[in-house]
């Protein structure tokens, strides 16, 4: 059966950010996301906090992820696991190929600090922007 082109499919950057954030949060050793800039700290947005998408002139898409990791884990091991999980999730769900997944570890969180719930990370309704 031939693939018939019915029209164009456009995926909003916020959708990719959410896929990336959820895939990252599910990796063992990730505690929480970090604000990537002061403007993120001042805004009320929770979605995209810690996730920054970039597109270059050639159309390649890369992502920078800013986060805190749990104390006692191997930083390189968790970083590689995040890169693999994010690339796989974005490719599987959106059929988008990421050229790079850059991990920025903002800090290590002590064992006694409560880990944020995944539901709390995305408590806003993205349809009501």
C-alpha atoms as a PDB file:
ATOM      1  CA  UNK A   1       0.000   0.000   0.000  1.00  0.00           C
ATOM      2  CA  UNK A   2       1.444   3.377  -0.989  1.00  0.00           C
ATOM      3  CA  UNK A   3       1.766   6.141   1.574  1.00  0.00           C
ATOM      4  CA  UNK A   4      -0.639   8.886   0.604  1.00  0.00           C
ATOM      5  CA  UNK A   5       0.242  12.461   1.604  1.00  0.00           C
ATOM      6  CA  UNK A   6      -2.909  13.980   3.106  1.00  0.00           C
ATOM      7  CA  UNK A   7      -1.412  17.215   4.376  1.00  0.00           C
ATOM      8  CA  UNK A   8       1.249  18.707   6.609  1.00  0.00           C
ATOM      9  CA  UNK A   9       1.841  17.707  10.225  1.00  0.00           C
ATOM     10  CA  UNK A  10       3.256  20.404  12.493  1.00  0.00           C
ATOM     11  CA  UNK A  11       4.333  19.608  16.059  1.00  0.00           C
ATOM     12  CA  UNK A  12       4.549  22.533  18.463  1.00  0.00           C
ATOM     13  CA  UNK A  13       7.848  22.996  20.316  1.00  0.00           C
ATOM     14  CA  UNK A  14       5.939  22.798  23.627  1.00  0.00           C
ATOM     15  CA  UNK A  15       4.884  19.249  22.750  1.00  0.00           C
ATOM     16  CA  UNK A  16       8.513  18.255  22.197  1.00  0.00           C
ATOM     17  CA  UNK A  17       9.503  19.990  25.449  1.00  0.00           C
ATOM     18  CA  UNK A  18       6.881  18.016  27.350  1.00  0.00           C
ATOM     19  CA  UNK A  19       7.958  14.700  25.788  1.00  0.00           C
ATOM     20  CA  UNK A  20      11.580  15.502  26.652  1.00  0.00           C
ATOM     21  CA  UNK A  21      10.758  16.534  30.231  1.00  0.00           C
ATOM     22  CA  UNK A  22       8.680  13.430  30.936  1.00  0.00           C
ATOM     23  CA  UNK A  23      11.306  11.097  29.437  1.00  0.00           C
ATOM     24  CA  UNK A  24      13.980  12.833  31.532  1.00  0.00           C
ATOM     25  CA  UNK A  25      11.982  12.752  34.766  1.00  0.00           C
ATOM     26  CA  UNK A  26      11.463   8.986  34.437  1.00  0.00           C
ATOM     27  CA  UNK A  27      15.214   8.247  34.417  1.00  0.00           C
ATOM     28  CA  UNK A  28      16.445   6.875  37.741  1.00  0.00           C
ATOM     29  CA  UNK A  29      18.700   9.398  39.491  1.00  0.00           C
ATOM     30  CA  UNK A  30      16.978  12.554  38.203  1.00  0.00           C
ATOM     31  CA  UNK A  31      15.637  14.682  41.048  1.00  0.00           C
ATOM     32  CA  UNK A  32      14.174  17.793  39.400  1.00  0.00           C
ATOM     33  CA  UNK A  33      14.643  20.382  36.666  1.00  0.00           C
ATOM     34  CA  UNK A  34      16.572  23.616  37.072  1.00  0.00           C
ATOM     35  CA  UNK A  35      15.587  26.998  35.700  1.00  0.00           C
ATOM     36  CA  UNK A  36      17.781  27.682  32.698  1.00  0.00           C
ATOM     37  CA  UNK A  37      17.708  31.462  33.103  1.00  0.00           C
ATOM     38  CA  UNK A  38      16.616  34.209  35.451  1.00  0.00           C
ATOM     39  CA  UNK A  39      13.596  34.967  33.270  1.00  0.00           C
ATOM     40  CA  UNK A  40      12.353  31.407  33.841  1.00  0.00           C
ATOM     41  CA  UNK A  41      12.667  31.950  37.592  1.00  0.00           C
ATOM     42  CA  UNK A  42      10.471  35.039  37.390  1.00  0.00           C
ATOM     43  CA  UNK A  43       7.817  33.605  35.085  1.00  0.00           C
ATOM     44  CA  UNK A  44       4.916  31.476  36.248  1.00  0.00           C
ATOM     45  CA  UNK A  45       5.503  28.852  33.552  1.00  0.00           C
ATOM     46  CA  UNK A  46       6.293  25.352  34.707  1.00  0.00           C
ATOM     47  CA  UNK A  47       6.296  23.748  31.283  1.00  0.00           C
ATOM     48  CA  UNK A  48       9.642  23.919  29.533  1.00  0.00           C
ATOM     49  CA  UNK A  49      11.455  24.863  32.718  1.00  0.00           C
ATOM     50  CA  UNK A  50      14.815  23.230  32.378  1.00  0.00           C
ATOM     51  CA  UNK A  51      14.289  22.236  28.729  1.00  0.00           C
ATOM     52  CA  UNK A  52      15.479  24.448  25.862  1.00  0.00           C
ATOM     53  CA  UNK A  53      15.017  23.500  22.195  1.00  0.00           C
ATOM     54  CA  UNK A  54      17.276  24.952  19.504  1.00  0.00           C
ATOM     55  CA  UNK A  55      17.024  24.754  15.713  1.00  0.00           C
ATOM     56  CA  UNK A  56      20.002  25.715  13.542  1.00  0.00           C
ATOM     57  CA  UNK A  57      20.090  26.994   9.955  1.00  0.00           C
ATOM     58  CA  UNK A  58      20.139  23.480   8.514  1.00  0.00           C
ATOM     59  CA  UNK A  59      17.012  22.473  10.460  1.00  0.00           C
ATOM     60  CA  UNK A  60      18.786  20.253  12.995  1.00  0.00           C
ATOM     61  CA  UNK A  61      17.090  20.254  16.397  1.00  0.00           C
ATOM     62  CA  UNK A  62      19.078  20.030  19.613  1.00  0.00           C
ATOM     63  CA  UNK A  63      17.979  20.261  23.230  1.00  0.00           C
ATOM     64  CA  UNK A  64      19.618  21.492  26.420  1.00  0.00           C
ATOM     65  CA  UNK A  65      18.319  19.957  29.653  1.00  0.00           C
ATOM     66  CA  UNK A  66      19.086  21.657  32.984  1.00  0.00           C
ATOM     67  CA  UNK A  67      18.521  19.508  36.073  1.00  0.00           C
ATOM     68  CA  UNK A  68      19.422  18.377  39.556  1.00  0.00           C
ATOM     69  CA  UNK A  69      20.492  14.804  40.193  1.00  0.00           C
ATOM     70  CA  UNK A  70      20.153  12.678  43.312  1.00  0.00           C
ATOM     71  CA  UNK A  71      23.128  12.234  45.606  1.00  0.00           C
ATOM     72  CA  UNK A  72      25.051   8.972  45.248  1.00  0.00           C
ATOM     73  CA  UNK A  73      24.414   8.258  41.569  1.00  0.00           C
ATOM     74  CA  UNK A  74      26.956   8.123  38.757  1.00  0.00           C
ATOM     75  CA  UNK A  75      26.547  11.407  36.892  1.00  0.00           C
ATOM     76  CA  UNK A  76      27.916  10.124  33.534  1.00  0.00           C
ATOM     77  CA  UNK A  77      25.730   6.994  33.709  1.00  0.00           C
ATOM     78  CA  UNK A  78      22.558   8.993  34.393  1.00  0.00           C
ATOM     79  CA  UNK A  79      23.443  11.593  31.733  1.00  0.00           C
ATOM     80  CA  UNK A  80      23.868   8.894  29.059  1.00  0.00           C
ATOM     81  CA  UNK A  81      20.601   7.246  30.168  1.00  0.00           C
ATOM     82  CA  UNK A  82      18.802  10.599  29.822  1.00  0.00           C
ATOM     83  CA  UNK A  83      20.260  11.151  26.346  1.00  0.00           C
ATOM     84  CA  UNK A  84      19.131   7.715  25.183  1.00  0.00           C
ATOM     85  CA  UNK A  85      15.662   8.021  26.760  1.00  0.00           C
ATOM     86  CA  UNK A  86      15.042  11.482  25.308  1.00  0.00           C
ATOM     87  CA  UNK A  87      16.219  10.623  21.790  1.00  0.00           C
ATOM     88  CA  UNK A  88      14.136   7.456  21.795  1.00  0.00           C
ATOM     89  CA  UNK A  89      10.973   9.104  23.185  1.00  0.00           C
ATOM     90  CA  UNK A  90      11.055  12.036  20.750  1.00  0.00           C
ATOM     91  CA  UNK A  91      11.715   9.736  17.806  1.00  0.00           C
ATOM     92  CA  UNK A  92       9.005   7.239  18.824  1.00  0.00           C
ATOM     93  CA  UNK A  93       6.283   9.772  19.664  1.00  0.00           C
ATOM     94  CA  UNK A  94       6.926  12.606  17.205  1.00  0.00           C
ATOM     95  CA  UNK A  95       9.187  11.031  14.571  1.00  0.00           C
ATOM     96  CA  UNK A  96      11.635  13.896  15.129  1.00  0.00           C
ATOM     97  CA  UNK A  97      15.368  13.203  15.137  1.00  0.00           C
ATOM     98  CA  UNK A  98      17.371  15.221  17.683  1.00  0.00           C
ATOM     99  CA  UNK A  99      20.912  16.092  16.597  1.00  0.00           C
ATOM    100  CA  UNK A 100      22.126  16.537  20.204  1.00  0.00           C
ATOM    101  CA  UNK A 101      20.853  16.103  23.757  1.00  0.00           C
ATOM    102  CA  UNK A 102      23.009  18.258  26.042  1.00  0.00           C
ATOM    103  CA  UNK A 103      22.787  17.622  29.782  1.00  0.00           C
ATOM    104  CA  UNK A 104      23.585  20.451  32.228  1.00  0.00           C
ATOM    105  CA  UNK A 105      23.788  19.272  35.844  1.00  0.00           C
ATOM    106  CA  UNK A 106      23.003  22.284  38.026  1.00  0.00           C
ATOM    107  CA  UNK A 107      23.606  20.424  41.263  1.00  0.00           C
ATOM    108  CA  UNK A 108      23.259  17.344  43.409  1.00  0.00           C
ATOM    109  CA  UNK A 109      20.336  17.059  45.843  1.00  0.00           C
ATOM    110  CA  UNK A 110      20.733  15.431  49.252  1.00  0.00           C
ATOM    111  CA  UNK A 111      18.818  12.245  50.008  1.00  0.00           C
ATOM    112  CA  UNK A 112      16.486  13.971  52.470  1.00  0.00           C
ATOM    113  CA  UNK A 113      15.068  16.415  49.911  1.00  0.00           C
ATOM    114  CA  UNK A 114      11.633  15.302  48.671  1.00  0.00           C
ATOM    115  CA  UNK A 115      11.464  14.497  44.971  1.00  0.00           C
ATOM    116  CA  UNK A 116       8.758  16.423  43.064  1.00  0.00           C
ATOM    117  CA  UNK A 117       5.877  14.345  41.745  1.00  0.00           C
ATOM    118  CA  UNK A 118       5.665  13.996  37.958  1.00  0.00           C
ATOM    119  CA  UNK A 119       2.079  15.324  38.022  1.00  0.00           C
ATOM    120  CA  UNK A 120       3.243  18.503  39.783  1.00  0.00           C
ATOM    121  CA  UNK A 121       5.764  19.164  37.045  1.00  0.00           C
ATOM    122  CA  UNK A 122       2.999  19.717  34.492  1.00  0.00           C
ATOM    123  CA  UNK A 123       0.124  21.107  36.480  1.00  0.00           C
ATOM    124  CA  UNK A 124      -0.800  23.730  33.897  1.00  0.00           C
ATOM    125  CA  UNK A 125      -3.265  23.168  31.090  1.00  0.00           C
ATOM    126  CA  UNK A 126      -1.365  23.890  27.881  1.00  0.00           C
ATOM    127  CA  UNK A 127      -4.606  24.441  25.973  1.00  0.00           C
ATOM    128  CA  UNK A 128      -5.457  27.548  28.013  1.00  0.00           C
ATOM    129  CA  UNK A 129      -2.469  29.717  27.028  1.00  0.00           C
END
